[in-house]
Each structure stands twice: as structure tokens, then as C-alpha cells.
Amino acid sequence: PLIYFDDVRNNPAEAARIVPYTDLSSDLASEATTPSYVWITPNMCSDTHDCSISTGDQWLSHAVPPILASPAYRNQNSALFITWDEDDNGNNQVATLVIAKSVPPGFRSSVAYDHYSLLKTVESSWGLAPLTSNDSAATPMSDFFASTPSPTPTPTPTPSPSPSPTPTPTPTPSGGIPVAGGTIVARDTFAGRSASGGWGTASDGQAWWVRSGSANRLSVSASAGEGLVSGSSSMSMDLMRATLGPVSAAGTEVVARYTSGDYANDCGHLLAGFSGAGSYYVAGLDSPDGTPELNVMKVVGGTQTRVADVAFPAVDGTAYWERVRIQGGVVSVKAWRDGTAEPSSWNLTWTDDSPLPGGRAGVESWDDGQGWAIDHFSAGSLP
């Protein structure tokens, strides 16, 4: 158990995070109250050390269903790992179960993993640096999450016109690709790779982490990270939220190029300060009232509030660059058409009297069925 580590038991703030197992039910009540990472240690009987295997099975039968039924597991890109520390033989091989919506049913890995692989998997997913040479050299359990998307269902014919295909961003002319200011902590050109069931590993070597929505609806092709809704002519809304890179300071700048086939019904936000499903900022192109605009949204306790907005005449099928800066409690956002010069001033600026702490950067998009694309993502940590 973590309470045995000196860095935990000798640190009151860390020790306070060790709570009774009975607290889990209230933590699982909502996405906002569920921690990003939970370690559960059964007692010496329920873990089958001092009692029978059937006793451990009975404990699991009560412990696992509430986790799989929780809002955080059902609505987010969550995973449950069940493992043991040792066996009764010298080779010390133990069983490990990986339970997640993205794991193919019945999948069994042929790769030899160890307990450091579990740590490496978390580090790779969250963009964290290794703690020691042991986890640095470990193999992440990535084959469990390399799932194949389910086939796209055939949409029911309707009198509505068929949506146009996902637009491809036009090339940026000479003069350089816009990048985030500050110290770059995350970057993905989306070039030179194809992926399905998520965006995979970015060009900077870090892994994209889907926070909301289904990873099976994300793909990478034609040098752009594309979000496509299954059965697009059904016009079914789908919200996607993904982060890349480590936790950065409260000062963050994020840049990306975004394209939509229907700006009056889509959203292409850049995300910053993500410290959990219930706390972050998003800003950029949006259409909450049926017309394109640039806005700023603040999320506290899982509730999203539009705190500032300004009209922006985005043209369907046209690529736009977005730059969002959060520094000193001031959120600034600008957008400009691909192929034109970046404006020197911000389109929209809003001051937060109660600024959020630092967090991860990423993207948020809402698709009405006609598809969207993003590329040349970068995030920088500001002083």
C-alpha cells in the first residue's frame, strides 16, 4: 500500500489522500468527484493472501460493478487494472486484467509485462516523465488499447441533403507554421502517420489521452487529426475532448489549425488548465446559438459557463488558426484564416477573478455530423 512509502506517510498532504475504502462510493457518484487516479488495496483476506480464492472472488464481485457503472467510467476514457503482487512459485507470474471500453473483447496479450509496465502505461498516457530507470525501460501495455473501431452503421435515408466530406486544411504559405509561445511542452503535426480508434502517439512522442467521447470516432489521416461521427448523415452531435502533454503552469498558450464543414453547428475549442473532468478552460470557435463565434468557457465543478464571446464570420470548409493564451488570470483568444497574416491583437480577452490552477492542454470539438479536422497543435508553458 502507498501508506508504506516514506514520501507519503511523512507528508501530511499526501497522507491525507489515503482514505477508507468506504469513501469510494461517494467519489464515484459523479465525474467531478472521481479522482483521476485511484489505487485500491483490499485487506489481507479479500486479497486472497490469508483467505481462499473464493473469498477474493466474492470481494471483486462487489467491488468491480460499481466502478464499471460509475459516470467516470461510462463517460470518460477510463481503465480498470486488477493485478496481484506475487504468486506461489519461483517464476512469479501473476494474472492482470485490463478492463476498458477500448479493449477488444477477449483480448489476451502475448507480450511479457511486469509491474513497471503498469506504471509506464500511466506515464505514457499522461505524458509523465519516468521515476527511475526501471519504469523508463519498461514496455507500456499499449496493445490492450490498440482497438479497432466498430463498423460504421449504415445511416437511414432521409430527405436531408448528404453532408460534404471532411474538409482538408489548405497548406500554410511560406513564412512558418504558427506555434505556441513559451516553453513547448506538447506538439503534434499529425504528419507521417495514420491511426484509428484515437490519435495515438503525437509527433513529439507523447500520447494523446481522450477525456470525453469515444476514441473510436477519432482518426489520423491526410496529415490531420480528424474527428468523424459514425453515420454522419444522421446529424448526431458528438463531443470530443483530448489532452496532450504534462501538467504545466497556470500560464499556458495553445495553437492549432482547425477546419469544420459546418461552423454554425460545430465547436473547435483549444483546451488549457485541464486538471480533471470538472476543471479547465476552453476557448476558440464555437456555435452555441447557431452562428459562428469565438468564445471562452470556464468549467468549475463539472459545470461549463460561457464567460465571453464575440461574433466571428467563419466560412464552412475553410481552415482557421486559433491561438489561446492564459496568463495571470487573463484568457485571450484570436483566430485568423489560413494563408493570411496572424493579427497582432486579440479578438477576445476576458479576466478571471478566480483563475484556475495549471493543468494539461488539448482540444475540444463538438461535431454535428459533417466532420472536422485539426493539425499543427502546440502548447507552451508561460512564465
Protein backbone atom coordinates (compact mmCIF):
# COMPACT_ATOMS: atom_id res chain seq x y z
CA PRO A 1 0.00 0.00 0.00
CA LEU A 2 1.10 3.56 -0.67
CA ILE A 3 0.93 4.40 3.04
CA TYR A 4 4.15 2.37 3.45
CA PHE A 5 6.14 4.88 1.37
CA ASP A 6 8.04 7.49 3.38
CA ASP A 7 7.18 10.19 0.82
CA VAL A 8 3.52 9.56 1.65
CA ARG A 9 3.39 8.83 5.36
CA ASN A 10 5.83 11.64 6.24
CA ASN A 11 3.97 14.19 4.12
CA PRO A 12 0.64 15.25 5.72
CA ALA A 13 -0.79 16.47 2.40
CA GLU A 14 -0.05 13.16 0.68
CA ALA A 15 -1.07 11.06 3.69
CA ALA A 16 -4.45 12.82 3.67
CA ARG A 17 -5.09 11.25 0.26
CA ILE A 18 -5.15 7.79 1.87
CA VAL A 19 -8.83 7.34 2.74
CA PRO A 20 -11.07 4.42 3.81
CA TYR A 21 -12.38 2.19 1.03
CA THR A 22 -15.90 3.13 2.11
CA ASP A 23 -15.29 6.62 0.66
CA LEU A 24 -15.16 5.19 -2.86
CA SER A 25 -18.93 5.06 -3.33
CA SER A 26 -19.29 8.82 -2.81
CA ASP A 27 -16.24 9.50 -5.01
CA LEU A 28 -17.83 7.52 -7.86
CA ALA A 29 -21.11 9.44 -7.62
CA SER A 30 -20.13 11.88 -10.39
CA GLU A 31 -17.37 12.57 -12.90
CA ALA A 32 -16.38 15.70 -10.98
CA THR A 33 -15.85 13.84 -7.69
CA THR A 34 -13.98 10.86 -9.15
CA PRO A 35 -10.19 11.24 -8.84
CA SER A 36 -8.09 10.94 -11.99
CA TYR A 37 -6.16 8.07 -10.39
CA VAL A 38 -7.32 5.65 -7.69
CA TRP A 39 -5.31 2.86 -6.03
CA ILE A 40 -7.46 0.31 -4.17
CA THR A 41 -5.80 -2.10 -1.73
CA PRO A 42 -8.04 -4.88 -0.31
CA ASN A 43 -7.41 -6.20 3.18
CA MET A 44 -5.25 -9.28 3.74
CA CYS A 45 -8.27 -11.55 3.48
CA SER A 46 -10.00 -10.02 0.46
CA ASP A 47 -6.71 -10.01 -1.48
CA THR A 48 -6.60 -13.85 -1.03
CA HIS A 49 -3.30 -13.71 0.88
CA ASP A 50 -4.76 -15.11 4.11
CA CYS A 51 -8.10 -16.37 2.77
CA SER A 52 -9.36 -18.51 -0.07
CA ILE A 53 -9.59 -17.54 -3.73
CA SER A 54 -13.38 -17.71 -3.46
CA THR A 55 -13.22 -15.03 -0.77
CA GLY A 56 -11.28 -12.78 -3.13
CA ASP A 57 -13.73 -13.52 -5.93
CA GLN A 58 -16.60 -12.53 -3.70
CA TRP A 59 -14.90 -9.23 -2.84
CA LEU A 60 -14.31 -8.48 -6.53
CA SER A 61 -17.94 -9.27 -7.33
CA HIS A 62 -18.96 -6.43 -5.02
CA ALA A 63 -16.10 -4.03 -5.80
CA VAL A 64 -15.95 -4.05 -9.61
CA PRO A 65 -19.58 -3.47 -10.75
CA PRO A 66 -19.95 -0.04 -9.05
CA ILE A 67 -16.75 1.12 -10.76
CA LEU A 68 -17.91 -0.01 -14.21
CA ALA A 69 -21.31 1.60 -13.62
CA SER A 70 -19.86 4.93 -12.49
CA PRO A 71 -20.27 8.10 -14.62
CA ALA A 72 -16.48 8.49 -14.87
CA TYR A 73 -16.06 5.00 -16.36
CA ARG A 74 -19.10 5.21 -18.64
CA ASN A 75 -18.50 8.73 -19.96
CA GLN A 76 -14.72 9.11 -19.91
CA ASN A 77 -11.76 7.23 -21.35
CA SER A 78 -11.23 5.21 -18.17
CA ALA A 79 -9.48 1.92 -17.45
CA LEU A 80 -9.53 -0.53 -14.54
CA PHE A 81 -6.44 -2.67 -13.83
CA ILE A 82 -6.69 -5.68 -11.50
CA THR A 83 -3.43 -7.39 -10.61
CA TRP A 84 -1.59 -9.32 -7.89
CA ASP A 85 1.85 -8.76 -6.40
CA GLU A 86 3.18 -12.33 -6.43
CA ASP A 87 2.38 -15.99 -6.97
CA ASP A 88 3.42 -19.12 -5.06
CA ASN A 89 6.16 -20.17 -7.48
CA GLY A 90 9.69 -19.06 -8.21
CA ASN A 91 8.92 -17.61 -11.65
CA ASN A 92 6.44 -15.18 -10.02
CA GLN A 93 3.94 -14.92 -12.86
CA VAL A 94 0.68 -13.20 -11.96
CA ALA A 95 -2.57 -12.54 -13.74
CA THR A 96 -3.52 -8.99 -14.68
CA LEU A 97 -6.90 -7.89 -16.01
CA VAL A 98 -7.30 -4.74 -18.12
CA ILE A 99 -10.89 -3.54 -18.32
CA ALA A 100 -11.76 -0.61 -20.60
CA LYS A 101 -14.24 0.22 -23.34
CA SER A 102 -11.37 0.48 -25.82
CA VAL A 103 -10.01 -3.04 -25.10
CA PRO A 104 -11.15 -5.60 -27.71
CA PRO A 105 -13.43 -8.23 -26.10
CA GLY A 106 -11.50 -11.33 -25.11
CA PHE A 107 -8.13 -9.82 -25.98
CA ARG A 108 -5.12 -11.59 -24.45
CA SER A 109 -1.66 -10.08 -24.84
CA SER A 110 1.33 -12.20 -25.84
CA VAL A 111 3.77 -9.54 -24.60
CA ALA A 112 5.67 -10.19 -21.37
CA TYR A 113 4.93 -7.33 -18.97
CA ASP A 114 5.91 -6.63 -15.37
CA HIS A 115 4.62 -4.27 -12.70
CA TYR A 116 6.79 -1.47 -14.06
CA SER A 117 4.75 -1.77 -17.26
CA LEU A 118 1.66 -0.66 -15.34
CA LEU A 119 3.48 2.46 -14.21
CA LYS A 120 4.88 3.02 -17.71
CA THR A 121 1.37 2.80 -19.16
CA VAL A 122 0.13 5.58 -16.89
CA GLU A 123 3.20 7.71 -17.60
CA SER A 124 2.83 7.29 -21.36
CA SER A 125 -0.88 8.08 -21.28
CA TRP A 126 -0.47 11.20 -19.19
CA GLY A 127 2.81 12.42 -20.64
CA LEU A 128 4.69 11.98 -17.34
CA ALA A 129 8.45 11.58 -17.01
CA PRO A 130 9.73 8.23 -15.66
CA LEU A 131 10.60 7.98 -11.97
CA THR A 132 13.58 5.60 -12.28
CA SER A 133 15.46 3.58 -14.87
CA ASN A 134 13.12 0.65 -14.13
CA ASP A 135 9.95 2.24 -15.45
CA SER A 136 11.91 4.15 -18.09
CA ALA A 137 12.96 0.84 -19.65
CA ALA A 138 9.57 -0.85 -19.17
CA THR A 139 7.19 -1.62 -22.03
CA PRO A 140 3.82 0.18 -21.86
CA MET A 141 0.76 -2.03 -22.22
CA SER A 142 -0.27 -0.29 -25.42
CA ASP A 143 -1.53 -3.38 -27.26
CA PHE A 144 -4.53 -3.52 -24.92
CA PHE A 145 -5.67 -0.14 -26.21
CA ALA A 146 -4.93 -0.53 -29.92
CA SER A 147 -8.54 -1.41 -30.59
CA THR A 148 -10.17 -1.45 -33.98
CA PRO A 149 -13.20 0.82 -34.37
CA SER A 150 -16.51 -0.90 -34.76
CA PRO A 151 -18.00 -0.75 -38.27
CA THR A 152 -19.88 2.40 -39.12
CA PRO A 153 -23.61 1.65 -39.25
CA THR A 154 -25.46 2.40 -42.45
CA PRO A 155 -27.50 5.58 -41.88
CA THR A 156 -31.22 5.56 -42.53
CA PRO A 157 -32.03 7.54 -45.70
CA THR A 158 -33.64 10.90 -45.01
CA PRO A 159 -34.75 13.79 -47.24
CA SER A 160 -31.94 15.89 -45.77
CA PRO A 161 -29.03 16.57 -48.14
CA SER A 162 -25.94 14.43 -47.62
CA PRO A 163 -23.17 16.22 -45.75
CA SER A 164 -19.98 17.12 -47.56
CA PRO A 165 -16.82 15.14 -46.76
CA THR A 166 -14.49 16.28 -44.02
CA PRO A 167 -12.57 19.30 -45.36
CA THR A 168 -8.81 19.13 -45.66
CA PRO A 169 -6.92 22.14 -44.28
CA THR A 170 -5.17 24.13 -47.00
CA PRO A 171 -1.38 24.47 -46.80
CA THR A 172 0.07 27.41 -44.97
CA PRO A 173 2.19 29.63 -47.25
CA SER A 174 5.84 30.29 -46.66
CA GLY A 175 6.52 32.27 -43.52
CA GLY A 176 6.44 29.45 -41.00
CA ILE A 177 3.89 27.44 -39.08
CA PRO A 178 2.42 29.27 -36.06
CA VAL A 179 3.45 27.71 -32.75
CA ALA A 180 2.63 28.36 -29.12
CA GLY A 181 4.73 30.80 -27.14
CA GLY A 182 6.75 29.91 -24.06
CA THR A 183 8.48 26.58 -23.47
CA ILE A 184 6.90 23.97 -25.74
CA VAL A 185 5.53 21.07 -23.65
CA ALA A 186 3.36 19.36 -26.29
CA ARG A 187 3.36 19.34 -30.08
CA ASP A 188 1.77 17.28 -32.84
CA THR A 189 1.93 17.97 -36.56
CA PHE A 190 -0.21 14.84 -37.25
CA ALA A 191 2.03 14.28 -40.29
CA GLY A 192 3.57 10.98 -41.36
CA ARG A 193 1.21 8.61 -39.56
CA SER A 194 -2.21 7.04 -39.76
CA ALA A 195 -4.26 5.95 -36.77
CA SER A 196 -7.76 4.84 -35.89
CA GLY A 197 -9.52 4.44 -32.59
CA GLY A 198 -7.78 7.57 -31.32
CA TRP A 199 -4.92 9.85 -32.32
CA GLY A 200 -2.19 7.59 -30.97
CA THR A 201 1.29 8.94 -30.30
CA ALA A 202 1.96 12.54 -31.27
CA SER A 203 4.94 13.68 -33.33
CA ASP A 204 6.68 14.73 -30.09
CA GLY A 205 6.49 11.15 -28.75
CA GLN A 206 3.72 11.77 -26.20
CA ALA A 207 0.36 10.01 -26.26
CA TRP A 208 -2.99 11.70 -26.81
CA TRP A 209 -5.45 10.97 -24.00
CA VAL A 210 -9.19 11.02 -24.78
CA ARG A 211 -11.00 12.57 -21.82
CA SER A 212 -14.57 12.64 -23.18
CA GLY A 213 -16.26 10.89 -26.07
CA SER A 214 -15.33 7.67 -27.83
CA ALA A 215 -11.78 7.22 -29.10
CA ASN A 216 -13.21 5.04 -31.87
CA ARG A 217 -14.52 8.20 -33.52
CA LEU A 218 -11.07 9.74 -33.86
CA SER A 219 -8.55 9.01 -36.59
CA VAL A 220 -5.43 10.44 -38.17
CA SER A 221 -5.09 10.65 -41.94
CA ALA A 222 -4.02 13.14 -44.60
CA SER A 223 -1.74 14.83 -42.05
CA ALA A 224 -4.67 15.92 -39.89
CA GLY A 225 -6.29 14.63 -36.75
CA GLU A 226 -9.82 14.00 -37.92
CA GLY A 227 -12.98 13.59 -35.87
CA LEU A 228 -15.73 11.77 -37.73
CA VAL A 229 -19.12 10.81 -36.37
CA SER A 230 -20.32 7.35 -37.31
CA GLY A 231 -23.27 7.60 -39.69
CA SER A 232 -22.58 11.28 -40.28
CA SER A 233 -25.78 11.96 -42.20
CA SER A 234 -27.73 11.25 -39.01
CA MET A 235 -26.51 14.65 -37.75
CA SER A 236 -25.82 13.15 -34.33
CA MET A 237 -23.90 15.51 -32.04
CA ASP A 238 -20.71 14.17 -30.51
CA LEU A 239 -18.41 15.95 -28.03
CA MET A 240 -14.73 15.00 -28.02
CA ARG A 241 -12.13 16.21 -25.54
CA ALA A 242 -8.46 15.12 -25.61
CA THR A 243 -5.25 16.28 -23.94
CA LEU A 244 -1.57 16.02 -24.85
CA GLY A 245 1.46 16.52 -22.66
CA PRO A 246 2.15 17.01 -18.96
CA VAL A 247 0.63 19.33 -16.40
CA SER A 248 2.05 22.81 -16.99
CA ALA A 249 1.99 26.02 -15.00
CA ALA A 250 -1.08 28.23 -14.85
CA GLY A 251 0.39 30.24 -17.73
CA THR A 252 -0.30 28.36 -20.97
CA GLU A 253 -0.55 29.13 -24.68
CA VAL A 254 -2.13 26.74 -27.19
CA VAL A 255 -2.16 26.94 -31.00
CA ALA A 256 -3.75 24.72 -33.67
CA ARG A 257 -5.31 24.85 -37.13
CA TYR A 258 -8.97 23.84 -37.19
CA THR A 259 -11.37 23.13 -40.06
CA SER A 260 -15.11 22.40 -39.98
CA GLY A 261 -17.69 21.59 -42.60
CA ASP A 262 -20.40 23.40 -40.60
CA TYR A 263 -19.16 26.22 -38.38
CA ALA A 264 -22.74 27.23 -37.49
CA ASN A 265 -23.23 23.92 -35.68
CA ASP A 266 -19.73 22.80 -34.67
CA CYS A 267 -17.21 23.67 -31.97
CA GLY A 268 -13.42 23.75 -32.23
CA HIS A 269 -12.03 24.81 -28.87
CA LEU A 270 -8.48 24.74 -27.58
CA LEU A 271 -8.23 23.46 -24.02
CA ALA A 272 -5.94 24.58 -21.18
CA GLY A 273 -5.67 24.13 -17.43
CA PHE A 274 -7.24 20.66 -17.55
CA SER A 275 -6.85 19.20 -14.05
CA GLY A 276 -9.80 16.82 -14.30
CA ALA A 277 -13.17 16.48 -15.99
CA GLY A 278 -14.59 19.20 -13.75
CA SER A 279 -11.98 21.96 -14.05
CA TYR A 280 -10.49 23.63 -17.15
CA TYR A 281 -10.78 26.44 -19.71
CA VAL A 282 -11.72 26.08 -23.38
CA ALA A 283 -11.67 28.89 -25.94
CA GLY A 284 -11.97 29.22 -29.70
CA LEU A 285 -14.53 28.75 -32.46
CA ASP A 286 -17.99 27.69 -31.33
CA SER A 287 -21.67 27.99 -32.25
CA PRO A 288 -23.88 27.71 -29.13
CA ASP A 289 -26.57 29.92 -30.71
CA GLY A 290 -26.38 28.63 -34.28
CA THR A 291 -23.94 31.27 -35.59
CA PRO A 292 -20.12 31.09 -35.55
CA GLU A 293 -18.36 32.94 -32.75
CA LEU A 294 -15.18 32.99 -30.70
CA ASN A 295 -15.82 32.41 -27.03
CA VAL A 296 -14.29 31.50 -23.69
CA MET A 297 -15.76 28.77 -21.48
CA LYS A 298 -14.80 28.11 -17.87
CA VAL A 299 -15.56 24.77 -16.25
CA VAL A 300 -15.79 24.51 -12.46
CA GLY A 301 -17.25 21.52 -10.65
CA GLY A 302 -18.21 20.00 -13.99
CA THR A 303 -20.39 22.99 -14.95
CA GLN A 304 -19.39 24.83 -18.14
CA THR A 305 -20.17 28.55 -18.37
CA ARG A 306 -19.71 30.79 -21.40
CA VAL A 307 -18.00 33.83 -19.87
CA ALA A 308 -17.14 35.85 -23.00
CA ASP A 309 -17.93 35.76 -26.73
CA VAL A 310 -17.66 37.75 -29.96
CA ALA A 311 -19.05 37.04 -33.44
CA PHE A 312 -16.64 35.54 -35.98
CA PRO A 313 -17.66 35.03 -39.66
CA ALA A 314 -16.14 31.58 -40.24
CA VAL A 315 -16.70 30.07 -43.71
CA ASP A 316 -17.55 26.36 -43.96
CA GLY A 317 -14.70 24.24 -45.31
CA THR A 318 -12.09 26.91 -44.59
CA ALA A 319 -9.20 26.34 -42.18
CA TYR A 320 -8.56 28.82 -39.37
CA TRP A 321 -5.68 29.15 -36.95
CA GLU A 322 -6.54 29.60 -33.30
CA ARG A 323 -4.31 30.90 -30.52
CA VAL A 324 -5.38 30.85 -26.87
CA ARG A 325 -3.30 32.33 -24.05
CA ILE A 326 -3.98 32.03 -20.31
CA GLN A 327 -1.67 34.10 -18.15
CA GLY A 328 -2.16 35.89 -14.86
CA GLY A 329 -5.88 35.10 -14.84
CA VAL A 330 -6.37 36.67 -18.30
CA VAL A 331 -7.75 34.46 -21.09
CA SER A 332 -7.11 35.76 -24.62
CA VAL A 333 -8.14 34.19 -27.93
CA LYS A 334 -7.68 35.04 -31.59
CA ALA A 335 -8.43 33.32 -34.90
CA TRP A 336 -7.38 34.05 -38.46
CA ARG A 337 -7.89 32.45 -41.85
CA ASP A 338 -5.22 30.03 -43.00
CA GLY A 339 -2.95 31.68 -45.56
CA THR A 340 -3.29 35.16 -44.07
CA ALA A 341 -1.10 37.02 -41.58
CA GLU A 342 -1.74 36.49 -37.89
CA PRO A 343 -3.36 39.61 -36.39
CA SER A 344 -1.33 41.46 -33.78
CA SER A 345 -4.30 41.95 -31.46
CA TRP A 346 -6.64 39.51 -29.73
CA ASN A 347 -10.23 39.06 -30.87
CA LEU A 348 -11.40 38.46 -27.32
CA THR A 349 -9.95 38.94 -23.84
CA TRP A 350 -11.52 38.02 -20.50
CA THR A 351 -10.18 38.38 -16.96
CA ASP A 352 -10.93 35.65 -14.42
CA ASP A 353 -11.13 36.94 -10.85
CA SER A 354 -10.73 33.37 -9.57
CA PRO A 355 -8.26 31.77 -12.00
CA LEU A 356 -7.91 28.02 -12.21
CA PRO A 357 -4.61 26.28 -11.42
CA GLY A 358 -2.36 24.86 -14.10
CA GLY A 359 -3.19 21.71 -16.00
CA ARG A 360 -2.91 19.93 -19.32
CA ALA A 361 -3.57 21.38 -22.77
CA GLY A 362 -5.57 19.85 -25.60
CA VAL A 363 -8.59 20.24 -27.85
CA GLU A 364 -12.36 20.06 -27.53
CA SER A 365 -14.68 19.64 -30.50
CA TRP A 366 -18.38 19.19 -31.00
CA ASP A 367 -19.41 17.71 -34.35
CA ASP A 368 -22.88 17.88 -35.88
CA GLY A 369 -22.11 15.07 -38.30
CA GLN A 370 -20.23 16.76 -41.13
CA GLY A 371 -16.79 16.22 -39.65
CA TRP A 372 -13.89 18.35 -38.52
CA ALA A 373 -10.10 18.29 -38.69
CA ILE A 374 -7.22 19.69 -36.69
CA ASP A 375 -3.46 19.78 -37.18
CA HIS A 376 -0.26 21.58 -36.15
CA PHE A 377 -1.16 21.51 -32.46
CA SER A 378 1.31 23.00 -29.99
CA ALA A 379 1.19 24.03 -26.32
CA GLY A 380 3.68 26.11 -24.38
CA SER A 381 4.23 26.83 -20.70
CA LEU A 382 4.45 30.55 -19.98
CA PRO A 383 6.40 32.13 -17.12
